[in-house]
Protein backbone atom coordinates (compact mmCIF):
# COMPACT_ATOMS: atom_id res chain seq x y z
CA MET A 1 26.58 86.41 91.25
CA ARG A 2 27.43 86.64 87.56
CA LEU A 3 23.96 85.41 86.54
CA ALA A 4 22.36 87.91 88.86
CA ARG A 5 24.31 90.74 87.24
CA ILE A 6 23.29 89.47 83.81
CA ALA A 7 19.64 89.36 84.84
CA VAL A 8 19.82 92.92 86.16
CA ALA A 9 21.48 94.07 82.95
CA ALA A 10 18.75 92.36 80.94
CA ALA A 11 16.06 94.07 82.99
CA ILE A 12 17.66 97.46 82.37
CA LEU A 13 18.01 96.68 78.68
CA LEU A 14 14.39 95.64 78.30
CA ALA A 15 12.79 98.33 80.44
CA SER A 16 11.30 100.85 78.06
CA GLY A 17 8.11 102.21 79.53
CA ALA A 18 4.63 100.82 79.69
CA GLN A 19 3.92 97.55 77.94
CA ALA A 20 1.64 98.03 74.94
CA ALA A 21 -1.29 95.64 74.68
CA THR A 22 -0.09 94.25 71.37
CA ARG A 23 3.67 94.43 71.78
CA LEU A 24 5.77 91.31 71.33
CA THR A 25 9.31 91.11 72.72
CA ILE A 26 11.72 88.46 71.44
CA ALA A 27 15.11 87.59 72.93
CA THR A 28 17.61 86.12 70.51
CA VAL A 29 21.36 85.46 70.41
CA ILE A 30 22.24 88.41 68.18
CA THR A 31 20.16 90.74 66.04
CA ASP A 32 22.26 91.31 62.90
CA PRO A 33 26.05 91.30 62.44
CA ASN A 34 26.36 94.44 60.24
CA ARG A 35 30.05 93.68 59.75
CA LEU A 36 30.14 93.79 55.96
CA ASN A 37 29.27 96.69 53.72
CA VAL A 38 26.43 94.74 52.12
CA PRO A 39 22.70 94.92 52.95
CA TYR A 40 22.29 93.05 56.20
CA PRO A 41 19.29 90.88 55.17
CA LEU A 42 21.62 89.36 52.56
CA GLN A 43 24.63 89.09 54.85
CA ALA A 44 23.69 85.98 56.80
CA THR A 45 21.22 83.24 55.86
CA GLY A 46 21.75 81.02 58.90
CA PHE A 47 20.41 81.04 62.43
CA PRO A 48 20.06 83.33 64.35
CA PRO A 49 19.88 86.21 61.80
CA TYR A 50 17.37 84.40 59.61
CA ALA A 51 15.03 84.36 62.59
CA VAL A 52 15.05 88.18 62.52
CA HIS A 53 15.04 89.10 58.82
CA PRO A 54 11.47 87.96 57.96
CA ALA A 55 10.06 90.64 60.26
CA GLN A 56 11.09 93.30 57.73
CA PHE A 57 11.83 91.55 54.47
CA ASP A 58 10.25 89.10 52.05
CA ALA A 59 11.58 86.81 49.34
CA LEU A 60 9.97 85.47 46.21
CA THR A 61 9.25 82.18 47.97
CA GLU A 62 8.99 81.10 51.58
CA LEU A 63 8.35 78.13 53.84
CA ASP A 64 4.83 77.58 55.11
CA PRO A 65 4.23 76.46 58.74
CA GLN A 66 4.75 72.84 57.61
CA ALA A 67 8.15 73.75 56.07
CA LYS A 68 6.82 73.33 52.52
CA LEU A 69 7.72 75.74 49.74
CA ALA A 70 5.02 78.38 49.32
CA PRO A 71 4.41 81.60 47.35
CA ALA A 72 5.49 84.92 48.87
CA LEU A 73 6.31 87.91 46.64
CA ALA A 74 5.98 85.51 43.72
CA LEU A 75 2.51 84.06 43.25
CA SER A 76 3.70 81.34 40.88
CA TRP A 77 6.73 80.09 38.99
CA ARG A 78 7.49 77.73 36.15
CA ALA A 79 10.42 76.52 34.07
CA GLU A 80 10.27 78.18 30.65
CA THR A 81 13.33 76.27 29.44
CA PRO A 82 15.67 73.89 31.29
CA THR A 83 17.75 76.91 32.36
CA THR A 84 15.19 79.74 32.62
CA TRP A 85 12.59 80.17 35.36
CA ILE A 86 9.66 82.59 35.13
CA PHE A 87 8.33 84.14 38.35
CA ASP A 88 5.00 85.97 38.30
CA LEU A 89 4.88 88.55 41.07
CA ARG A 90 2.14 89.47 43.48
CA PRO A 91 0.49 92.72 42.31
CA GLY A 92 0.15 95.79 44.48
CA VAL A 93 3.03 95.07 46.89
CA GLN A 94 4.86 98.11 48.22
CA PHE A 95 7.97 98.62 50.30
CA SER A 96 7.52 100.43 53.59
CA ASN A 97 8.59 103.71 51.92
CA GLY A 98 5.87 103.38 49.28
CA GLU A 99 8.17 102.24 46.46
CA PRO A 100 6.60 99.44 44.37
CA CYS A 101 7.99 95.95 44.76
CA ASP A 102 8.10 95.02 41.12
CA ALA A 103 10.09 92.97 38.65
CA ALA A 104 12.74 95.68 38.41
CA ALA A 105 13.36 95.43 42.16
CA VAL A 106 13.74 91.64 41.98
CA ALA A 107 16.09 91.82 39.01
CA ALA A 108 18.15 94.54 40.71
CA THR A 109 18.47 92.55 43.94
CA ILE A 110 19.73 89.46 42.14
CA GLY A 111 21.93 91.61 39.93
CA TYR A 112 23.49 93.12 43.05
CA LEU A 113 24.27 89.67 44.43
CA LEU A 114 26.04 88.80 41.19
CA SER A 115 28.21 91.92 41.46
CA ALA A 116 31.65 92.08 43.09
CA ASP A 117 30.16 93.66 46.23
CA GLY A 118 27.20 91.30 46.42
CA ARG A 119 29.34 88.19 46.16
CA ARG A 120 30.62 88.90 49.67
CA ALA A 121 27.15 88.24 51.06
CA SER A 122 26.19 84.80 52.35
CA ALA A 123 23.07 84.91 50.17
CA TYR A 124 25.25 84.87 47.05
CA ARG A 125 25.89 81.15 47.37
CA GLU A 126 22.18 80.52 46.70
CA VAL A 127 22.37 82.27 43.30
CA GLN A 128 25.96 81.60 42.29
CA ASN A 129 24.73 79.51 39.34
CA VAL A 130 22.49 82.37 38.12
CA VAL A 131 23.60 84.06 34.90
CA ARG A 132 21.10 86.94 34.91
CA ALA A 133 17.70 88.14 36.11
CA GLU A 134 15.54 90.21 33.77
CA ALA A 135 12.27 92.07 34.24
CA ARG A 136 9.60 91.22 31.71
CA GLY A 137 7.15 93.95 32.33
CA ALA A 138 6.19 95.11 35.82
CA LEU A 139 5.23 91.77 37.36
CA GLN A 140 7.30 89.07 35.70
CA VAL A 141 10.93 88.12 36.18
CA ALA A 142 13.01 85.67 34.14
CA ILE A 143 15.95 84.11 36.00
CA THR A 144 18.49 82.21 33.91
CA THR A 145 21.00 79.72 35.33
CA ASP A 146 24.14 78.28 33.80
CA ARG A 147 22.62 74.78 33.85
CA PRO A 148 19.28 73.25 34.88
CA ASP A 149 18.45 73.81 38.56
CA VAL A 150 15.11 72.42 39.71
CA MET A 151 15.82 73.66 43.26
CA LEU A 152 16.12 77.36 42.34
CA PRO A 153 12.68 78.31 43.77
CA ASN A 154 13.76 76.75 47.08
CA LYS A 155 17.06 78.62 47.10
CA LEU A 156 15.29 81.94 46.66
CA VAL A 157 13.70 81.62 50.12
CA SER A 158 16.75 83.40 51.54
CA ILE A 159 17.01 86.16 48.91
CA LYS A 160 15.26 89.13 50.50
CA ILE A 161 14.16 91.67 47.92
CA LEU A 162 15.48 95.24 48.23
CA PRO A 163 13.85 98.49 47.04
CA ARG A 164 15.68 99.33 43.82
CA LEU A 165 15.47 103.13 43.81
CA TYR A 166 16.07 103.58 47.52
CA PHE A 167 19.07 101.24 47.50
CA GLN A 168 20.56 103.02 44.48
CA LYS A 169 20.24 106.30 46.37
CA VAL A 170 21.62 105.35 49.82
CA GLY A 171 23.89 102.36 49.12
CA ALA A 172 24.56 99.45 51.44
CA SER A 173 25.72 101.49 54.44
CA GLY A 174 22.76 103.85 54.19
CA PHE A 175 20.38 100.94 53.80
CA ASN A 176 21.76 99.27 56.93
CA ARG A 177 21.20 102.49 58.90
CA ALA A 178 17.61 102.90 57.67
CA PRO A 179 16.35 99.64 56.12
CA VAL A 180 13.24 99.42 53.95
CA GLY A 181 11.37 96.20 53.20
CA THR A 182 8.00 94.67 52.39
CA GLY A 183 7.66 92.64 55.60
CA PRO A 184 4.99 92.91 58.31
CA PHE A 185 7.12 95.34 60.35
CA THR A 186 9.25 98.38 59.68
CA GLU A 187 12.16 99.58 61.78
CA LYS A 188 11.61 102.38 64.28
CA SER A 189 15.01 102.41 65.99
CA ARG A 190 18.11 100.24 66.35
CA SER A 191 21.06 99.80 68.65
CA PRO A 192 23.74 97.09 68.69
CA VAL A 193 21.61 95.03 71.09
CA ARG A 194 18.04 95.99 70.28
CA VAL A 195 15.71 96.63 67.35
CA ASP A 196 12.31 98.33 67.80
CA LEU A 197 9.81 97.79 65.02
CA VAL A 198 6.23 98.84 64.35
CA ARG A 199 3.51 97.47 62.11
CA ASN A 200 4.21 98.23 58.46
CA PRO A 201 1.11 100.07 57.15
CA ASN A 202 2.05 99.16 53.56
CA ALA A 203 2.53 95.43 54.21
CA TRP A 204 0.76 93.08 51.82
CA ARG A 205 0.13 90.80 54.80
CA PRO A 206 -0.15 92.94 57.92
CA ALA A 207 1.12 91.92 61.32
CA ARG A 208 -1.34 90.90 64.04
CA VAL A 209 0.57 92.83 66.72
CA ASP A 210 1.35 96.54 66.73
CA GLU A 211 4.93 96.59 68.02
CA LEU A 212 7.85 94.20 67.90
CA VAL A 213 11.00 94.41 70.00
CA ILE A 214 13.96 92.12 69.31
CA VAL A 215 16.75 92.14 71.87
CA ALA A 216 20.13 90.43 71.80
CA LEU A 217 20.79 88.38 74.93
CA PRO A 218 23.68 86.09 74.00
CA ASP A 219 23.71 84.16 77.28
CA PRO A 220 21.09 81.33 77.16
CA THR A 221 20.45 81.53 80.90
CA THR A 222 19.67 85.23 80.60
CA ARG A 223 17.17 84.58 77.82
CA VAL A 224 15.34 82.02 79.93
CA GLN A 225 15.39 84.27 83.00
CA ALA A 226 13.97 87.12 80.94
CA LEU A 227 11.18 84.84 79.71
CA ALA A 228 10.45 83.46 83.17
CA SER A 229 10.13 86.98 84.58
CA ALA A 230 7.90 88.11 81.66
CA GLN A 231 10.45 90.67 80.45
CA VAL A 232 10.25 88.98 77.06
CA ASP A 233 7.49 86.96 75.40
CA VAL A 234 9.72 84.71 73.31
CA ALA A 235 13.18 83.26 73.91
CA LEU A 236 14.92 81.75 70.89
CA ASP A 237 17.46 78.93 71.14
CA VAL A 238 16.48 77.59 74.56
CA ARG A 239 18.63 74.76 75.92
CA VAL A 240 17.02 71.37 76.57
CA GLU A 241 17.97 71.52 80.24
CA ASP A 242 16.14 74.84 80.61
CA ALA A 243 12.82 73.62 79.19
CA SER A 244 11.51 72.72 82.65
CA ILE A 245 12.21 76.25 83.90
CA VAL A 246 10.06 77.66 81.12
CA ALA A 247 7.24 75.24 81.92
CA ASP A 248 7.45 75.86 85.67
CA THR A 249 6.97 79.60 85.12
CA GLY A 250 3.84 79.25 82.99
CA GLY A 251 5.40 79.14 79.55
CA ARG A 252 5.94 76.37 77.05
CA VAL A 253 8.73 75.15 74.81
CA GLU A 254 8.23 74.20 71.17
CA PRO A 255 10.84 72.47 68.99
CA PHE A 256 11.47 73.23 65.36
CA ALA A 257 13.55 71.23 62.92
CA THR A 258 16.50 72.99 61.31
CA GLY A 259 16.77 70.90 58.17
CA SER A 260 20.08 69.47 59.38
CA VAL A 261 21.38 66.18 60.75
CA ASP A 262 23.86 66.08 63.63
CA THR A 263 26.83 63.75 63.27
CA LEU A 264 30.30 63.02 64.51
CA GLN A 265 32.09 63.42 61.21
CA PHE A 266 35.08 61.18 60.54
CA VAL A 267 38.41 62.53 59.26
CA THR A 268 39.30 59.89 56.68
CA VAL A 269 41.89 61.72 54.61
CA LYS A 270 44.78 60.76 56.89
CA PRO A 271 45.90 57.26 57.92
CA SER A 272 43.73 55.94 60.75
CA PRO A 273 41.30 53.12 61.54
CA VAL A 274 38.34 55.19 60.27
CA GLN A 275 39.62 54.89 56.72
CA ASP A 276 38.11 51.39 56.84
CA VAL A 277 34.37 51.43 56.11
CA ARG A 278 33.88 48.48 58.45
CA VAL A 279 35.21 50.58 61.33
CA ARG A 280 32.95 53.48 60.40
CA GLN A 281 29.93 51.22 60.29
CA ALA A 282 30.94 49.58 63.56
CA LEU A 283 30.95 52.92 65.37
CA ASN A 284 27.44 53.58 64.08
CA TYR A 285 26.22 50.27 65.47
CA ALA A 286 27.92 50.98 68.81
CA VAL A 287 25.95 54.14 69.68
CA ASN A 288 22.47 54.01 71.20
CA LYS A 289 20.96 57.01 69.40
CA GLN A 290 17.42 56.40 70.64
CA ALA A 291 18.56 56.51 74.26
CA ILE A 292 20.33 59.83 73.62
CA VAL A 293 17.16 61.29 72.07
CA ASP A 294 14.91 59.98 74.83
CA GLU A 295 17.07 60.63 77.88
CA LEU A 296 19.20 63.65 76.98
CA LEU A 297 17.10 65.45 74.36
CA ASN A 298 13.68 64.89 75.99
CA GLY A 299 12.32 63.24 72.85
CA TYR A 300 12.29 66.51 70.92
CA THR A 301 13.71 64.87 67.79
CA LYS A 302 14.36 61.48 66.19
CA PRO A 303 17.51 59.49 65.48
CA ALA A 304 18.93 60.24 62.04
CA THR A 305 18.48 57.48 59.50
CA GLN A 306 20.55 59.05 56.70
CA TYR A 307 22.63 62.16 56.04
CA ALA A 308 19.52 64.22 55.30
CA SER A 309 16.57 65.21 57.46
CA ARG A 310 12.96 64.26 56.76
CA VAL A 311 12.10 67.73 55.44
CA THR A 312 14.70 67.72 52.66
CA PHE A 313 14.22 67.04 48.97
CA GLY A 314 15.88 63.69 48.32
CA TYR A 315 15.30 62.17 51.76
CA ASP A 316 14.80 58.46 51.12
CA PRO A 317 11.80 56.94 52.94
CA ALA A 318 13.27 53.50 52.25
CA LEU A 319 16.04 54.40 54.72
CA ALA A 320 13.63 55.34 57.50
CA VAL A 321 15.20 53.02 60.10
CA PRO A 322 18.45 54.15 61.78
CA TYR A 323 21.51 52.00 62.28
CA PRO A 324 20.34 49.65 65.06
CA TYR A 325 22.08 49.70 68.42
CA ASP A 326 24.07 46.46 68.20
CA PRO A 327 27.30 46.38 70.26
CA PRO A 328 28.06 42.72 69.41
CA LYS A 329 27.92 43.52 65.70
CA ALA A 330 30.10 46.59 66.31
CA LYS A 331 32.72 44.42 68.06
CA ALA A 332 32.60 41.83 65.27
CA LEU A 333 33.17 44.47 62.59
CA LEU A 334 36.05 46.00 64.55
CA ALA A 335 37.67 42.57 64.90
CA GLU A 336 37.15 41.86 61.20
CA ALA A 337 38.86 45.16 60.39
CA GLY A 338 41.84 44.23 62.58
CA TYR A 339 40.93 46.16 65.76
CA PRO A 340 39.67 43.54 68.23
CA ASN A 341 40.95 45.67 71.11
CA GLY A 342 39.70 48.95 69.73
CA PHE A 343 41.85 52.03 69.15
CA ALA A 344 42.37 55.60 70.36
CA PHE A 345 39.72 57.96 69.01
CA PRO A 346 40.22 61.69 69.66
CA VAL A 347 37.17 63.86 68.93
CA GLU A 348 37.02 67.66 68.58
CA LEU A 349 33.99 69.62 69.79
CA MET A 350 33.33 73.34 69.72
CA ASN A 351 33.29 74.58 73.30
CA SER A 352 29.90 76.21 72.60
CA VAL A 353 28.25 72.83 71.96
CA ASP A 354 26.26 70.98 74.62
CA SER A 355 28.64 68.11 75.36
CA ALA A 356 26.17 65.79 77.15
CA PRO A 357 25.09 63.81 74.05
CA TYR A 358 28.71 63.39 72.98
CA GLU A 359 29.76 62.21 76.40
CA GLN A 360 27.14 59.46 76.03
CA VAL A 361 28.46 58.68 72.54
CA ALA A 362 31.93 58.37 74.07
CA ALA A 363 30.63 56.02 76.78
CA ASP A 364 28.94 53.80 74.19
CA LEU A 365 32.10 53.65 72.08
CA ARG A 366 34.28 52.85 75.08
CA ALA A 367 31.97 49.90 75.77
CA VAL A 368 33.15 48.30 72.51
CA GLY A 369 36.80 49.10 73.17
CA VAL A 370 37.17 52.43 71.33
CA ARG A 371 39.08 54.80 73.60
CA VAL A 372 37.43 58.17 73.08
CA THR A 373 38.79 61.51 74.22
CA LEU A 374 36.60 64.58 73.82
CA ASN A 375 38.60 67.73 73.19
CA ASN A 376 36.77 71.04 73.51
CA ILE A 377 38.23 73.72 71.27
CA PRO A 378 37.27 77.39 70.87
CA VAL A 379 35.10 78.41 67.94
CA PRO A 380 37.94 80.26 66.11
CA ALA A 381 40.09 77.12 66.21
CA PHE A 382 37.19 75.00 64.98
CA THR A 383 36.58 77.48 62.15
CA ALA A 384 40.25 77.37 61.18
CA ASN A 385 40.12 73.56 61.03
CA TYR A 386 36.98 73.77 58.90
CA TYR A 387 38.47 76.11 56.32
CA GLN A 388 42.06 74.84 56.39
CA GLY A 389 41.63 71.12 57.05
CA THR A 390 43.85 71.19 60.14
CA TRP A 391 41.88 68.65 62.17
CA HIS A 392 43.87 67.05 64.99
CA GLY A 393 41.35 64.36 65.90
CA LEU A 394 39.75 61.52 63.98
CA ALA A 395 36.25 62.99 64.23
CA PHE A 396 34.48 66.23 65.03
CA TYR A 397 30.93 67.39 65.71
CA PHE A 398 29.27 68.76 62.60
CA GLY A 399 25.92 68.82 60.85
CA TYR A 400 24.54 68.34 57.36
CA PRO A 401 22.56 71.60 57.02
CA ALA A 402 20.23 71.79 54.03
CA ALA A 403 18.28 74.99 54.81
CA PRO A 404 17.15 77.12 53.12
CA SER A 405 17.08 75.17 49.84
CA LEU A 406 16.24 71.87 51.61
CA ASP A 407 18.30 70.06 49.00
CA ALA A 408 19.77 66.88 50.47
CA LEU A 409 22.75 67.27 48.14
CA ALA A 410 23.66 70.78 49.31
CA PRO A 411 25.64 69.61 52.40
CA LEU A 412 27.68 67.27 50.22
CA HIS A 413 29.41 70.27 48.70
CA VAL A 414 31.12 70.49 52.09
CA HIS A 415 31.14 66.86 53.20
CA SER A 416 32.98 65.57 50.13
CA CYS A 417 35.90 66.06 47.76
CA LEU A 418 34.11 69.19 46.51
CA TRP A 419 35.31 71.08 49.61
CA ALA A 420 38.62 72.93 49.31
CA HIS A 421 40.11 71.02 52.27
CA PRO A 422 38.01 67.86 52.56
CA TRP A 423 37.97 65.63 55.62
CA HIS A 424 36.23 62.80 53.74
CA CYS A 425 36.61 62.24 50.01
CA ASP A 426 34.75 59.74 47.84
CA GLU A 427 35.26 60.75 44.23
CA SER A 428 32.33 58.68 42.98
CA ILE A 429 29.89 60.48 45.26
CA ALA A 430 31.30 63.94 44.47
CA SER A 431 30.97 63.42 40.72
CA GLN A 432 27.38 62.21 41.13
CA VAL A 433 26.44 65.29 43.17
CA ILE A 434 27.52 67.61 40.36
CA GLU A 435 25.79 65.51 37.70
CA VAL A 436 22.51 65.09 39.59
CA GLN A 437 22.21 68.74 40.57
CA GLY A 438 22.18 69.59 36.86
CA LEU A 439 19.29 67.28 35.92
CA ALA A 440 16.31 69.03 34.35
CA SER A 441 13.71 66.48 35.49
CA ARG A 442 12.57 66.97 39.08
CA ASP A 443 11.45 63.34 39.39
CA GLU A 444 14.75 62.01 38.09
CA ARG A 445 16.61 64.47 40.33
CA GLU A 446 14.75 63.17 43.39
CA ALA A 447 15.27 59.50 42.52
CA ARG A 448 18.98 59.98 41.87
CA THR A 449 19.38 62.02 45.07
CA ARG A 450 17.79 59.21 47.07
CA ALA A 451 20.23 56.77 45.49
CA ILE A 452 23.12 58.99 46.59
CA MET A 453 21.70 59.15 50.12
CA ALA A 454 21.72 55.34 50.24
CA GLN A 455 25.29 55.22 48.98
CA VAL A 456 26.47 57.80 51.52
CA ARG A 457 24.76 55.96 54.36
CA GLU A 458 26.50 52.74 53.36
CA SER A 459 29.83 54.58 53.22
CA ALA A 460 29.21 55.93 56.75
CA PRO A 461 31.33 59.13 56.65
CA GLY A 462 30.26 59.89 60.20
CA ILE A 463 28.30 58.61 63.17
CA LEU A 464 24.68 59.44 62.47
CA LEU A 465 23.14 60.88 65.63
CA HIS A 466 19.83 62.74 65.34
CA GLU A 467 17.95 65.27 63.28
CA SER A 468 18.94 68.72 64.43
CA PHE A 469 16.43 70.94 66.21
CA LYS A 470 16.17 74.12 68.22
CA LEU A 471 13.79 75.08 71.00
CA VAL A 472 11.81 78.29 71.28
CA GLY A 473 10.45 79.33 74.66
CA LEU A 474 7.04 81.01 74.61
CA GLY A 475 5.40 83.03 77.35
CA SER A 476 1.75 82.61 78.28
CA ARG A 477 0.67 85.59 76.11
CA VAL A 478 1.88 83.94 72.90
CA LYS A 479 -0.88 81.93 71.28
CA ALA A 480 0.89 81.09 68.01
CA PHE A 481 4.52 81.40 66.94
CA PRO A 482 5.09 79.48 63.68
CA ALA A 483 8.78 79.19 62.86
CA PRO A 484 9.35 76.57 60.15
CA LEU A 485 13.06 75.71 60.14
CA GLY A 486 13.61 78.88 62.17
CA PHE A 487 12.11 81.22 59.55
CA VAL A 488 9.67 83.03 61.81
CA ARG A 489 6.32 83.80 60.16
CA TYR A 490 5.83 87.20 61.77
CA ASP A 491 2.51 87.79 60.03
CA LEU A 492 1.02 84.70 61.72
CA ILE A 493 2.14 85.40 65.30
CA GLU A 494 -0.80 85.69 67.67
CA VAL A 495 -0.51 87.35 71.08
CA ALA A 496 -3.16 87.78 73.76
CA PRO A 497 -3.70 91.33 75.06
């Protein structure tokens, strides 16, 4: 009954008159939070908002359909000195209100993020090592960092450029009410659960559809029902178990990598068996990751081989084979560490997470004598643990997200002593992360990052599971929907009439 009411509500929400021949309707979890008095394209750089922002806004750089760094508002970039990058901008680009997108706009956007107000935005963390951004003429920007940073062009993927004059006039709250960008679409109307957009006539790369509607349907079942009944053309964040429903109703499901690795992260900062590296390695050998991928995840991904995904800078091809499934070796290591009969192993999971893979992990661990209990906790409690270090179990579900910079070292600012309340702390790794991120040579940076990845894998701070992914459901009208790492390329979407 509840699902029926949800479906009816979705139908009412989406009904808006005759369907235009080139309209695309997307169902997502939320549109934009709009909770902070900062420009909303800079508020959140994670999924799902970053699936929405590229419709209206561009950055200096972007990810191409193969998740490789590519030019966007910047045509090219180069390191002028070890700490200064020069970005040459694309000429002739205008915001949707006709204001030029020039070097002054780029410098003002980064300058805003470095201000007291801008530092509240999620995007600030991508430029927190920037000292200043200066316009050199109309089409060149110099960005200076406090130390060498070869990954700065990657980090700028999430910095959406704002119109300088318009933003100065209306401020953050005014901008959020009537946003202006350089993207393929411009906003026509907005409500808390829906955004209507139309083709931006000033776009430097025009959209291939005339109208875009993005609706917030938080319930995953509702999103799939809306897709199955052709009320929407695209459903983001489809569950694996719902993929068959999409296929049975004439649609298709496509996976995209997120740039993260899913793990069960150990809490090693308090006395427990997982303080012993032999125990941590044993639990990795005890879990059949390939079976989980094949049987529970429909083969949409691959087992993780290291604490970085294949798309990240610093992924080590020499570590391309995961921990093998070897229960006898797991038992031998546990016995060697003094736990021949196993031990109690409480695990904390957010109650919003699909528990099926972790139930299989628990079954595999129980087979070698480790007595697992899975404790589902609400998201606010999980968040409190994350920020305060108040974990009650010996492990918890968590990822190693590297998007948008795709720097394999970025997650280690959380998964190490560098975090304010660490759950795993290896001082030697933490000090290397800081040193290596300041190297001026890209080749040396990559080689040293790979060495760190090998060291972290040997240390086994968690049970490596699989490379993270999300599914997008596509209706029969959608011919192409490129979404590298979830950054939807709205200019490349193709829809049949």
